[in-house]
């Protein structure tokens, strides 16, 4: 699929509510995601299944009113996830705040935007 068609598909998914957009705000996911980049995530990705180790997810921070983007390192049977940043020296993640319950996992990152 060519690049223009992929961009059009991403835009269509965003407009139809199948994806949500979020801007990366810090260095915790370097080198995969750069600060200032925008990502698309699927808010329905985990309605029928649990996240998998290696998935990049958007979650609610357990103590602050913000969303975070992290990689799933461990998934418990109850769906709680241990989340880490790829750039561990610059990441506040589950090593600080523990497991994130499934209701705080907002979706799976599907692509960069555009």
PDB file of N, CA and C in Angstrom:
ATOM      1  N   UNK A   1       0.855  -1.178   0.000  1.00  0.00           N
ATOM      2  CA  UNK A   1       0.000   0.000   0.000  1.00  0.00           C
ATOM      3  C   UNK A   1       0.901   1.242   0.000  1.00  0.00           C
ATOM      4  N   UNK A   2       0.599   2.221  -0.858  1.00  0.00           N
ATOM      5  CA  UNK A   2       1.464   3.393  -0.913  1.00  0.00           C
ATOM      6  C   UNK A   2       1.212   4.324   0.275  1.00  0.00           C
ATOM      7  N   UNK A   3       2.141   5.231   0.475  1.00  0.00           N
ATOM      8  CA  UNK A   3       2.117   6.115   1.647  1.00  0.00           C
ATOM      9  C   UNK A   3       0.874   7.009   1.696  1.00  0.00           C
ATOM     10  N   UNK A   4       0.451   7.529   0.554  1.00  0.00           N
ATOM     11  CA  UNK A   4      -0.735   8.395   0.522  1.00  0.00           C
ATOM     12  C   UNK A   4      -1.991   7.631   0.931  1.00  0.00           C
ATOM     13  N   UNK A   5      -2.107   6.398   0.471  1.00  0.00           N
ATOM     14  CA  UNK A   5      -3.254   5.574   0.826  1.00  0.00           C
ATOM     15  C   UNK A   5      -3.239   5.221   2.315  1.00  0.00           C
ATOM     16  N   UNK A   6      -2.064   4.931   2.854  1.00  0.00           N
ATOM     17  CA  UNK A   6      -1.954   4.642   4.287  1.00  0.00           C
ATOM     18  C   UNK A   6      -2.346   5.856   5.113  1.00  0.00           C
ATOM     19  N   UNK A   7      -1.914   7.047   4.713  1.00  0.00           N
ATOM     20  CA  UNK A   7      -2.281   8.278   5.425  1.00  0.00           C
ATOM     21  C   UNK A   7      -3.787   8.510   5.346  1.00  0.00           C
ATOM     22  N   UNK A   8      -4.376   8.296   4.192  1.00  0.00           N
ATOM     23  CA  UNK A   8      -5.831   8.459   4.037  1.00  0.00           C
ATOM     24  C   UNK A   8      -6.586   7.475   4.921  1.00  0.00           C
ATOM     25  N   UNK A   9      -6.111   6.232   5.004  1.00  0.00           N
ATOM     26  CA  UNK A   9      -6.752   5.227   5.848  1.00  0.00           C
ATOM     27  C   UNK A   9      -6.675   5.631   7.321  1.00  0.00           C
ATOM     28  N   UNK A  10      -5.514   6.121   7.769  1.00  0.00           N
ATOM     29  CA  UNK A  10      -5.358   6.567   9.157  1.00  0.00           C
ATOM     30  C   UNK A  10      -6.311   7.718   9.464  1.00  0.00           C
ATOM     31  N   UNK A  11      -6.420   8.662   8.537  1.00  0.00           N
ATOM     32  CA  UNK A  11      -7.320   9.796   8.720  1.00  0.00           C
ATOM     33  C   UNK A  11      -8.770   9.341   8.789  1.00  0.00           C
ATOM     34  N   UNK A  12      -9.155   8.416   7.923  1.00  0.00           N
ATOM     35  CA  UNK A  12     -10.513   7.882   7.936  1.00  0.00           C
ATOM     36  C   UNK A  12     -10.817   7.189   9.265  1.00  0.00           C
ATOM     37  N   UNK A  13      -9.885   6.378   9.759  1.00  0.00           N
ATOM     38  CA  UNK A  13     -10.081   5.700  11.038  1.00  0.00           C
ATOM     39  C   UNK A  13     -10.236   6.718  12.168  1.00  0.00           C
ATOM     40  N   UNK A  14      -9.459   7.795  12.120  1.00  0.00           N
ATOM     41  CA  UNK A  14      -9.565   8.851  13.131  1.00  0.00           C
ATOM     42  C   UNK A  14     -10.929   9.519  13.059  1.00  0.00           C
ATOM     43  N   UNK A  15     -11.373   9.857  11.859  1.00  0.00           N
ATOM     44  CA  UNK A  15     -12.666  10.532  11.687  1.00  0.00           C
ATOM     45  C   UNK A  15     -13.841   9.657  12.091  1.00  0.00           C
ATOM     46  N   UNK A  16     -13.726   8.362  11.889  1.00  0.00           N
ATOM     47  CA  UNK A  16     -14.810   7.442  12.242  1.00  0.00           C
ATOM     48  C   UNK A  16     -14.784   7.035  13.718  1.00  0.00           C
ATOM     49  N   UNK A  17     -13.826   7.531  14.462  1.00  0.00           N
ATOM     50  CA  UNK A  17     -13.747   7.210  15.881  1.00  0.00           C
ATOM     51  C   UNK A  17     -13.123   5.863  16.171  1.00  0.00           C
ATOM     52  N   UNK A  18     -12.547   5.236  15.147  1.00  0.00           N
ATOM     53  CA  UNK A  18     -11.911   3.939  15.354  1.00  0.00           C
ATOM     54  C   UNK A  18     -10.531   4.095  15.984  1.00  0.00           C
ATOM     55  N   UNK A  19      -9.977   5.280  15.908  1.00  0.00           N
ATOM     56  CA  UNK A  19      -8.675   5.585  16.489  1.00  0.00           C
ATOM     57  C   UNK A  19      -8.759   6.936  17.185  1.00  0.00           C
ATOM     58  N   UNK A  20      -7.901   7.112  18.169  1.00  0.00           N
ATOM     59  CA  UNK A  20      -7.757   8.409  18.827  1.00  0.00           C
ATOM     60  C   UNK A  20      -6.311   8.842  18.668  1.00  0.00           C
ATOM     61  N   UNK A  21      -6.100  10.145  18.719  1.00  0.00           N
ATOM     62  CA  UNK A  21      -4.774  10.712  18.491  1.00  0.00           C
ATOM     63  C   UNK A  21      -4.212  11.267  19.793  1.00  0.00           C
ATOM     64  N   UNK A  22      -2.905  11.124  19.970  1.00  0.00           N
ATOM     65  CA  UNK A  22      -2.239  11.619  21.173  1.00  0.00           C
ATOM     66  C   UNK A  22      -0.822  12.037  20.807  1.00  0.00           C
ATOM     67  N   UNK A  23      -0.358  13.129  21.407  1.00  0.00           N
ATOM     68  CA  UNK A  23       1.003  13.617  21.167  1.00  0.00           C
ATOM     69  C   UNK A  23       1.941  13.044  22.231  1.00  0.00           C
ATOM     70  N   UNK A  24       3.087  12.547  21.792  1.00  0.00           N
ATOM     71  CA  UNK A  24       4.126  12.043  22.699  1.00  0.00           C
ATOM     72  C   UNK A  24       4.746  13.242  23.397  1.00  0.00           C
ATOM     73  N   UNK A  25       4.810  13.188  24.752  1.00  0.00           N
ATOM     74  CA  UNK A  25       5.231  14.391  25.477  1.00  0.00           C
ATOM     75  C   UNK A  25       6.606  14.284  26.147  1.00  0.00           C
ATOM     76  N   UNK A  26       7.221  13.147  26.157  1.00  0.00           N
ATOM     77  CA  UNK A  26       8.516  13.041  26.830  1.00  0.00           C
ATOM     78  C   UNK A  26       9.405  12.010  26.178  1.00  0.00           C
ATOM     79  N   UNK A  27      10.605  11.819  26.733  1.00  0.00           N
ATOM     80  CA  UNK A  27      11.594  10.928  26.126  1.00  0.00           C
ATOM     81  C   UNK A  27      11.497   9.469  26.564  1.00  0.00           C
ATOM     82  N   UNK A  28      10.474   9.087  27.309  1.00  0.00           N
ATOM     83  CA  UNK A  28      10.449   7.748  27.903  1.00  0.00           C
ATOM     84  C   UNK A  28      10.359   6.616  26.888  1.00  0.00           C
ATOM     85  N   UNK A  29       9.876   6.900  25.677  1.00  0.00           N
ATOM     86  CA  UNK A  29       9.729   5.835  24.677  1.00  0.00           C
ATOM     87  C   UNK A  29      10.753   5.940  23.540  1.00  0.00           C
ATOM     88  N   UNK A  30      11.804   6.739  23.756  1.00  0.00           N
ATOM     89  CA  UNK A  30      12.880   6.797  22.763  1.00  0.00           C
ATOM     90  C   UNK A  30      13.560   5.446  22.660  1.00  0.00           C
ATOM     91  N   UNK A  31      14.013   4.989  21.551  1.00  0.00           N
ATOM     92  CA  UNK A  31      14.006   5.677  20.255  1.00  0.00           C
ATOM     93  C   UNK A  31      12.746   5.427  19.428  1.00  0.00           C
ATOM     94  N   UNK A  32      11.854   4.562  19.901  1.00  0.00           N
ATOM     95  CA  UNK A  32      10.642   4.202  19.131  1.00  0.00           C
ATOM     96  C   UNK A  32       9.753   5.412  18.857  1.00  0.00           C
ATOM     97  N   UNK A  33       9.477   6.197  19.879  1.00  0.00           N
ATOM     98  CA  UNK A  33       8.601   7.364  19.752  1.00  0.00           C
ATOM     99  C   UNK A  33       9.341   8.603  20.222  1.00  0.00           C
ATOM    100  N   UNK A  34       9.333   9.626  19.383  1.00  0.00           N
ATOM    101  CA  UNK A  34      10.031  10.875  19.668  1.00  0.00           C
ATOM    102  C   UNK A  34       9.086  11.885  20.319  1.00  0.00           C
ATOM    103  N   UNK A  35       9.591  12.695  21.268  1.00  0.00           N
ATOM    104  CA  UNK A  35       8.749  13.761  21.821  1.00  0.00           C
ATOM    105  C   UNK A  35       8.228  14.656  20.698  1.00  0.00           C
ATOM    106  N   UNK A  36       6.944  14.967  20.765  1.00  0.00           N
ATOM    107  CA  UNK A  36       6.313  15.804  19.746  1.00  0.00           C
ATOM    108  C   UNK A  36       5.632  15.020  18.641  1.00  0.00           C
ATOM    109  N   UNK A  37       6.000  13.751  18.447  1.00  0.00           N
ATOM    110  CA  UNK A  37       5.309  12.929  17.450  1.00  0.00           C
ATOM    111  C   UNK A  37       3.877  12.676  17.905  1.00  0.00           C
ATOM    112  N   UNK A  38       3.017  12.413  16.945  1.00  0.00           N
ATOM    113  CA  UNK A  38       1.645  12.038  17.266  1.00  0.00           C
ATOM    114  C   UNK A  38       1.436  10.578  16.912  1.00  0.00           C
ATOM    115  N   UNK A  39       0.671   9.912  17.758  1.00  0.00           N
ATOM    116  CA  UNK A  39       0.358   8.497  17.534  1.00  0.00           C
ATOM    117  C   UNK A  39      -1.151   8.332  17.439  1.00  0.00           C
ATOM    118  N   UNK A  40      -1.567   7.239  16.834  1.00  0.00           N
ATOM    119  CA  UNK A  40      -2.965   6.836  16.842  1.00  0.00           C
ATOM    120  C   UNK A  40      -3.072   5.602  17.707  1.00  0.00           C
ATOM    121  N   UNK A  41      -4.142   5.529  18.503  1.00  0.00           N
ATOM    122  CA  UNK A  41      -4.367   4.322  19.287  1.00  0.00           C
ATOM    123  C   UNK A  41      -5.797   3.864  19.156  1.00  0.00           C
ATOM    124  N   UNK A  42      -5.965   2.552  19.310  1.00  0.00           N
ATOM    125  CA  UNK A  42      -7.271   1.907  19.175  1.00  0.00           C
ATOM    126  C   UNK A  42      -7.881   1.752  20.570  1.00  0.00           C
ATOM    127  N   UNK A  43      -8.918   2.546  20.898  1.00  0.00           N
ATOM    128  CA  UNK A  43      -9.510   2.467  22.231  1.00  0.00           C
ATOM    129  C   UNK A  43     -10.332   1.193  22.462  1.00  0.00           C
ATOM    130  N   UNK A  44     -10.590   0.428  21.404  1.00  0.00           N
ATOM    131  CA  UNK A  44     -11.383  -0.797  21.536  1.00  0.00           C
ATOM    132  C   UNK A  44     -10.522  -2.062  21.499  1.00  0.00           C
ATOM    133  N   UNK A  45      -9.220  -1.906  21.422  1.00  0.00           N
ATOM    134  CA  UNK A  45      -8.321  -3.045  21.212  1.00  0.00           C
ATOM    135  C   UNK A  45      -8.412  -4.108  22.300  1.00  0.00           C
ATOM    136  N   UNK A  46      -8.686  -3.697  23.526  1.00  0.00           N
ATOM    137  CA  UNK A  46      -8.647  -4.653  24.638  1.00  0.00           C
ATOM    138  C   UNK A  46     -10.025  -4.916  25.247  1.00  0.00           C
ATOM    139  N   UNK A  47     -11.066  -4.702  24.491  1.00  0.00           N
ATOM    140  CA  UNK A  47     -12.413  -5.002  25.008  1.00  0.00           C
ATOM    141  C   UNK A  47     -12.662  -6.504  25.085  1.00  0.00           C
ATOM    142  N   UNK A  48     -12.084  -7.257  24.151  1.00  0.00           N
ATOM    143  CA  UNK A  48     -12.322  -8.697  24.093  1.00  0.00           C
ATOM    144  C   UNK A  48     -11.093  -9.531  24.443  1.00  0.00           C
ATOM    145  N   UNK A  49      -9.944  -8.888  24.566  1.00  0.00           N
ATOM    146  CA  UNK A  49      -8.721  -9.633  24.846  1.00  0.00           C
ATOM    147  C   UNK A  49      -7.795  -8.801  25.721  1.00  0.00           C
ATOM    148  N   UNK A  50      -6.833  -9.464  26.332  1.00  0.00           N
ATOM    149  CA  UNK A  50      -5.860  -8.794  27.194  1.00  0.00           C
ATOM    150  C   UNK A  50      -4.706  -8.249  26.364  1.00  0.00           C
ATOM    151  N   UNK A  51      -4.044  -7.203  26.857  1.00  0.00           N
ATOM    152  CA  UNK A  51      -2.822  -6.752  26.188  1.00  0.00           C
ATOM    153  C   UNK A  51      -1.784  -7.870  26.179  1.00  0.00           C
ATOM    154  N   UNK A  52      -0.872  -7.783  25.236  1.00  0.00           N
ATOM    155  CA  UNK A  52       0.216  -8.753  25.134  1.00  0.00           C
ATOM    156  C   UNK A  52       1.527  -8.082  25.498  1.00  0.00           C
ATOM    157  N   UNK A  53       2.444  -8.873  26.039  1.00  0.00           N
ATOM    158  CA  UNK A  53       3.784  -8.367  26.318  1.00  0.00           C
ATOM    159  C   UNK A  53       4.365  -7.836  25.003  1.00  0.00           C
ATOM    160  N   UNK A  54       4.900  -6.642  25.058  1.00  0.00           N
ATOM    161  CA  UNK A  54       5.459  -6.000  23.865  1.00  0.00           C
ATOM    162  C   UNK A  54       4.554  -4.961  23.248  1.00  0.00           C
ATOM    163  N   UNK A  55       3.240  -5.008  23.543  1.00  0.00           N
ATOM    164  CA  UNK A  55       2.325  -3.988  23.030  1.00  0.00           C
ATOM    165  C   UNK A  55       2.704  -2.623  23.587  1.00  0.00           C
ATOM    166  N   UNK A  56       2.544  -1.594  22.771  1.00  0.00           N
ATOM    167  CA  UNK A  56       2.655  -0.221  23.265  1.00  0.00           C
ATOM    168  C   UNK A  56       1.236   0.253  23.508  1.00  0.00           C
ATOM    169  N   UNK A  57       0.982   0.765  24.712  1.00  0.00           N
ATOM    170  CA  UNK A  57      -0.374   1.130  25.111  1.00  0.00           C
ATOM    171  C   UNK A  57      -0.438   2.570  25.604  1.00  0.00           C
ATOM    172  N   UNK A  58      -1.643   3.098  25.579  1.00  0.00           N
ATOM    173  CA  UNK A  58      -1.960   4.367  26.224  1.00  0.00           C
ATOM    174  C   UNK A  58      -2.730   4.010  27.490  1.00  0.00           C
ATOM    175  N   UNK A  59      -2.320   4.601  28.606  1.00  0.00           N
ATOM    176  CA  UNK A  59      -2.962   4.320  29.891  1.00  0.00           C
ATOM    177  C   UNK A  59      -3.135   5.616  30.673  1.00  0.00           C
ATOM    178  N   UNK A  60      -4.035   5.566  31.645  1.00  0.00           N
ATOM    179  CA  UNK A  60      -4.162   6.691  32.579  1.00  0.00           C
ATOM    180  C   UNK A  60      -3.096   6.541  33.649  1.00  0.00           C
ATOM    181  N   UNK A  61      -2.397   7.614  33.925  1.00  0.00           N
ATOM    182  CA  UNK A  61      -1.426   7.604  35.020  1.00  0.00           C
ATOM    183  C   UNK A  61      -2.197   7.361  36.313  1.00  0.00           C
ATOM    184  N   UNK A  62      -1.699   6.491  37.198  1.00  0.00           N
ATOM    185  CA  UNK A  62      -2.476   6.153  38.395  1.00  0.00           C
ATOM    186  C   UNK A  62      -2.603   7.285  39.413  1.00  0.00           C
ATOM    187  N   UNK A  63      -1.715   8.280  39.373  1.00  0.00           N
ATOM    188  CA  UNK A  63      -1.740   9.333  40.391  1.00  0.00           C
ATOM    189  C   UNK A  63      -1.868  10.737  39.834  1.00  0.00           C
ATOM    190  N   UNK A  64      -1.786  10.886  38.532  1.00  0.00           N
ATOM    191  CA  UNK A  64      -1.873  12.206  37.915  1.00  0.00           C
ATOM    192  C   UNK A  64      -2.960  12.192  36.849  1.00  0.00           C
ATOM    193  N   UNK A  65      -3.458  13.361  36.520  1.00  0.00           N
ATOM    194  CA  UNK A  65      -4.513  13.452  35.505  1.00  0.00           C
ATOM    195  C   UNK A  65      -3.869  13.615  34.128  1.00  0.00           C
ATOM    196  N   UNK A  66      -3.218  12.545  33.686  1.00  0.00           N
ATOM    197  CA  UNK A  66      -2.618  12.571  32.354  1.00  0.00           C
ATOM    198  C   UNK A  66      -2.573  11.165  31.796  1.00  0.00           C
ATOM    199  N   UNK A  67      -2.379  11.108  30.491  1.00  0.00           N
ATOM    200  CA  UNK A  67      -2.248   9.824  29.809  1.00  0.00           C
ATOM    201  C   UNK A  67      -0.767   9.555  29.582  1.00  0.00           C
ATOM    202  N   UNK A  68      -0.414   8.277  29.627  1.00  0.00           N
ATOM    203  CA  UNK A  68       0.970   7.880  29.414  1.00  0.00           C
ATOM    204  C   UNK A  68       1.036   6.845  28.291  1.00  0.00           C
ATOM    205  N   UNK A  69       2.170   6.801  27.630  1.00  0.00           N
ATOM    206  CA  UNK A  69       2.416   5.833  26.569  1.00  0.00           C
ATOM    207  C   UNK A  69       3.581   4.965  27.024  1.00  0.00           C
ATOM    208  N   UNK A  70       3.338   3.664  27.163  1.00  0.00           N
ATOM    209  CA  UNK A  70       4.366   2.745  27.670  1.00  0.00           C
ATOM    210  C   UNK A  70       4.241   1.396  26.967  1.00  0.00           C
ATOM    211  N   UNK A  71       5.257   0.559  27.162  1.00  0.00           N
ATOM    212  CA  UNK A  71       5.257  -0.793  26.614  1.00  0.00           C
ATOM    213  C   UNK A  71       4.861  -1.783  27.713  1.00  0.00           C
ATOM    214  N   UNK A  72       4.063  -2.773  27.355  1.00  0.00           N
ATOM    215  CA  UNK A  72       3.639  -3.805  28.302  1.00  0.00           C
ATOM    216  C   UNK A  72       4.804  -4.770  28.521  1.00  0.00           C
ATOM    217  N   UNK A  73       5.214  -4.920  29.791  1.00  0.00           N
ATOM    218  CA  UNK A  73       6.309  -5.828  30.138  1.00  0.00           C
ATOM    219  C   UNK A  73       5.788  -7.127  30.747  1.00  0.00           C
ATOM    220  N   UNK A  74       4.690  -7.036  31.513  1.00  0.00           N
ATOM    221  CA  UNK A  74       4.093  -8.205  32.173  1.00  0.00           C
ATOM    222  C   UNK A  74       2.581  -8.012  32.176  1.00  0.00           C
ATOM    223  N   UNK A  75       1.838  -9.104  31.954  1.00  0.00           N
ATOM    224  CA  UNK A  75       0.377  -9.080  32.065  1.00  0.00           C
ATOM    225  C   UNK A  75      -0.030 -10.173  33.051  1.00  0.00           C
ATOM    226  N   UNK A  76      -0.763  -9.781  34.085  1.00  0.00           N
ATOM    227  CA  UNK A  76      -1.271 -10.751  35.049  1.00  0.00           C
ATOM    228  C   UNK A  76      -2.581 -11.354  34.561  1.00  0.00           C
ATOM    229  N   UNK A  77      -3.001 -12.437  35.197  1.00  0.00           N
ATOM    230  CA  UNK A  77      -4.248 -13.107  34.790  1.00  0.00           C
ATOM    231  C   UNK A  77      -5.459 -12.187  34.863  1.00  0.00           C
ATOM    232  N   UNK A  78      -5.452 -11.235  35.808  1.00  0.00           N
ATOM    233  CA  UNK A  78      -6.592 -10.322  35.943  1.00  0.00           C
ATOM    234  C   UNK A  78      -6.542  -9.167  34.945  1.00  0.00           C
ATOM    235  N   UNK A  79      -5.513  -9.136  34.077  1.00  0.00           N
ATOM    236  CA  UNK A  79      -5.391  -8.094  33.073  1.00  0.00           C
ATOM    237  C   UNK A  79      -4.567  -6.905  33.500  1.00  0.00           C
ATOM    238  N   UNK A  80      -4.115  -6.878  34.766  1.00  0.00           N
ATOM    239  CA  UNK A  80      -3.253  -5.788  35.209  1.00  0.00           C
ATOM    240  C   UNK A  80      -1.919  -5.868  34.475  1.00  0.00           C
ATOM    241  N   UNK A  81      -1.377  -4.704  34.140  1.00  0.00           N
ATOM    242  CA  UNK A  81      -0.154  -4.646  33.333  1.00  0.00           C
ATOM    243  C   UNK A  81       0.968  -3.911  34.055  1.00  0.00           C
ATOM    244  N   UNK A  82       2.166  -4.448  33.907  1.00  0.00           N
ATOM    245  CA  UNK A  82       3.389  -3.769  34.344  1.00  0.00           C
ATOM    246  C   UNK A  82       3.920  -3.073  33.107  1.00  0.00           C
ATOM    247  N   UNK A  83       3.945  -1.734  33.140  1.00  0.00           N
ATOM    248  CA  UNK A  83       4.310  -0.927  31.987  1.00  0.00           C
ATOM    249  C   UNK A  83       5.677  -0.302  32.176  1.00  0.00           C
ATOM    250  N   UNK A  84       6.469  -0.296  31.122  1.00  0.00           N
ATOM    251  CA  UNK A  84       7.782   0.342  31.179  1.00  0.00           C
ATOM    252  C   UNK A  84       7.992   1.199  29.938  1.00  0.00           C
ATOM    253  N   UNK A  85       8.823   2.211  30.090  1.00  0.00           N
ATOM    254  CA  UNK A  85       9.258   2.998  28.950  1.00  0.00           C
ATOM    255  C   UNK A  85      10.452   2.307  28.307  1.00  0.00           C
ATOM    256  N   UNK A  86      10.618   2.494  27.017  1.00  0.00           N
ATOM    257  CA  UNK A  86      11.769   1.907  26.334  1.00  0.00           C
ATOM    258  C   UNK A  86      13.070   2.551  26.800  1.00  0.00           C
ATOM    259  N   UNK A  87      13.023   3.824  27.104  1.00  0.00           N
ATOM    260  CA  UNK A  87      14.193   4.572  27.579  1.00  0.00           C
ATOM    261  C   UNK A  87      14.121   4.591  29.111  1.00  0.00           C
ATOM    262  N   UNK A  88      14.521   3.493  29.727  1.00  0.00           N
ATOM    263  CA  UNK A  88      14.280   3.303  31.159  1.00  0.00           C
ATOM    264  C   UNK A  88      14.941   4.360  32.041  1.00  0.00           C
ATOM    265  N   UNK A  89      16.018   4.961  31.578  1.00  0.00           N
ATOM    266  CA  UNK A  89      16.670   5.983  32.407  1.00  0.00           C
ATOM    267  C   UNK A  89      15.875   7.286  32.446  1.00  0.00           C
ATOM    268  N   UNK A  90      14.927   7.461  31.528  1.00  0.00           N
ATOM    269  CA  UNK A  90      14.114   8.683  31.485  1.00  0.00           C
ATOM    270  C   UNK A  90      12.621   8.382  31.564  1.00  0.00           C
ATOM    271  N   UNK A  91      12.262   7.285  32.231  1.00  0.00           N
ATOM    272  CA  UNK A  91      10.859   6.886  32.264  1.00  0.00           C
ATOM    273  C   UNK A  91      10.364   6.712  33.695  1.00  0.00           C
ATOM    274  N   UNK A  92       9.229   7.331  33.970  1.00  0.00           N
ATOM    275  CA  UNK A  92       8.490   7.037  35.194  1.00  0.00           C
ATOM    276  C   UNK A  92       7.420   6.041  34.783  1.00  0.00           C
ATOM    277  N   UNK A  93       7.486   4.848  35.343  1.00  0.00           N
ATOM    278  CA  UNK A  93       6.615   3.780  34.888  1.00  0.00           C
ATOM    279  C   UNK A  93       6.268   2.848  36.043  1.00  0.00           C
ATOM    280  N   UNK A  94       5.880   1.632  35.748  1.00  0.00           N
ATOM    281  CA  UNK A  94       5.437   0.699  36.789  1.00  0.00           C
ATOM    282  C   UNK A  94       6.521   0.387  37.811  1.00  0.00           C
ATOM    283  N   UNK A  95       7.763   0.654  37.499  1.00  0.00           N
ATOM    284  CA  UNK A  95       8.814   0.496  38.504  1.00  0.00           C
ATOM    285  C   UNK A  95       8.608   1.479  39.651  1.00  0.00           C
ATOM    286  N   UNK A  96       7.901   2.582  39.374  1.00  0.00           N
ATOM    287  CA  UNK A  96       7.592   3.585  40.397  1.00  0.00           C
ATOM    288  C   UNK A  96       6.192   3.431  40.967  1.00  0.00           C
ATOM    289  N   UNK A  97       5.199   3.154  40.100  1.00  0.00           N
ATOM    290  CA  UNK A  97       3.809   3.159  40.556  1.00  0.00           C
ATOM    291  C   UNK A  97       3.113   1.803  40.527  1.00  0.00           C
ATOM    292  N   UNK A  98       3.811   0.743  40.163  1.00  0.00           N
ATOM    293  CA  UNK A  98       3.236  -0.600  40.221  1.00  0.00           C
ATOM    294  C   UNK A  98       2.368  -0.953  39.019  1.00  0.00           C
ATOM    295  N   UNK A  99       1.647  -2.036  39.164  1.00  0.00           N
ATOM    296  CA  UNK A  99       0.795  -2.541  38.083  1.00  0.00           C
ATOM    297  C   UNK A  99      -0.371  -1.591  37.822  1.00  0.00           C
ATOM    298  N   UNK A 100      -0.768  -1.528  36.567  1.00  0.00           N
ATOM    299  CA  UNK A 100      -1.897  -0.700  36.138  1.00  0.00           C
ATOM    300  C   UNK A 100      -3.091  -1.626  35.908  1.00  0.00           C
ATOM    301  N   UNK A 101      -4.239  -1.364  36.556  1.00  0.00           N
ATOM    302  CA  UNK A 101      -5.414  -2.219  36.364  1.00  0.00           C
ATOM    303  C   UNK A 101      -5.967  -2.078  34.946  1.00  0.00           C
ATOM    304  N   UNK A 102      -6.682  -3.089  34.479  1.00  0.00           N
ATOM    305  CA  UNK A 102      -7.180  -3.065  33.091  1.00  0.00           C
ATOM    306  C   UNK A 102      -8.066  -1.871  32.760  1.00  0.00           C
ATOM    307  N   UNK A 103      -8.794  -1.354  33.736  1.00  0.00           N
ATOM    308  CA  UNK A 103      -9.673  -0.206  33.441  1.00  0.00           C
ATOM    309  C   UNK A 103      -8.899   1.093  33.201  1.00  0.00           C
ATOM    310  N   UNK A 104      -7.612   1.092  33.477  1.00  0.00           N
ATOM    311  CA  UNK A 104      -6.761   2.269  33.220  1.00  0.00           C
ATOM    312  C   UNK A 104      -6.016   2.158  31.890  1.00  0.00           C
ATOM    313  N   UNK A 105      -6.114   1.008  31.222  1.00  0.00           N
ATOM    314  CA  UNK A 105      -5.505   0.847  29.898  1.00  0.00           C
ATOM    315  C   UNK A 105      -6.502   1.380  28.873  1.00  0.00           C
ATOM    316  N   UNK A 106      -6.139   2.442  28.187  1.00  0.00           N
ATOM    317  CA  UNK A 106      -7.076   3.132  27.298  1.00  0.00           C
ATOM    318  C   UNK A 106      -7.069   2.613  25.863  1.00  0.00           C
ATOM    319  N   UNK A 107      -6.001   1.948  25.465  1.00  0.00           N
ATOM    320  CA  UNK A 107      -5.958   1.419  24.106  1.00  0.00           C
ATOM    321  C   UNK A 107      -4.563   1.040  23.667  1.00  0.00           C
ATOM    322  N   UNK A 108      -4.495   0.482  22.479  1.00  0.00           N
ATOM    323  CA  UNK A 108      -3.240   0.017  21.891  1.00  0.00           C
ATOM    324  C   UNK A 108      -2.767   0.992  20.829  1.00  0.00           C
ATOM    325  N   UNK A 109      -1.501   1.380  20.892  1.00  0.00           N
ATOM    326  CA  UNK A 109      -0.924   2.233  19.859  1.00  0.00           C
ATOM    327  C   UNK A 109      -0.842   1.417  18.569  1.00  0.00           C
ATOM    328  N   UNK A 110      -1.387   1.983  17.498  1.00  0.00           N
ATOM    329  CA  UNK A 110      -1.415   1.276  16.215  1.00  0.00           C
ATOM    330  C   UNK A 110      -0.455   1.864  15.188  1.00  0.00           C
ATOM    331  N   UNK A 111      -0.174   3.157  15.297  1.00  0.00           N
ATOM    332  CA  UNK A 111       0.718   3.776  14.301  1.00  0.00           C
ATOM    333  C   UNK A 111       1.084   5.188  14.735  1.00  0.00           C
ATOM    334  N   UNK A 112       2.071   5.716  14.028  1.00  0.00           N
ATOM    335  CA  UNK A 112       2.384   7.139  14.156  1.00  0.00           C
ATOM    336  C   UNK A 112       1.456   7.876  13.210  1.00  0.00           C
ATOM    337  N   UNK A 113       1.204   9.149  13.506  1.00  0.00           N
ATOM    338  CA  UNK A 113       0.313   9.939  12.661  1.00  0.00           C
ATOM    339  C   UNK A 113       1.065  11.152  12.147  1.00  0.00           C
ATOM    340  N   UNK A 114       1.091  11.471  10.899  1.00  0.00           N
ATOM    341  CA  UNK A 114       0.459  10.737   9.820  1.00  0.00           C
ATOM    342  C   UNK A 114       1.260   9.576   9.414  1.00  0.00           C
TER     343      UNK A 114
END
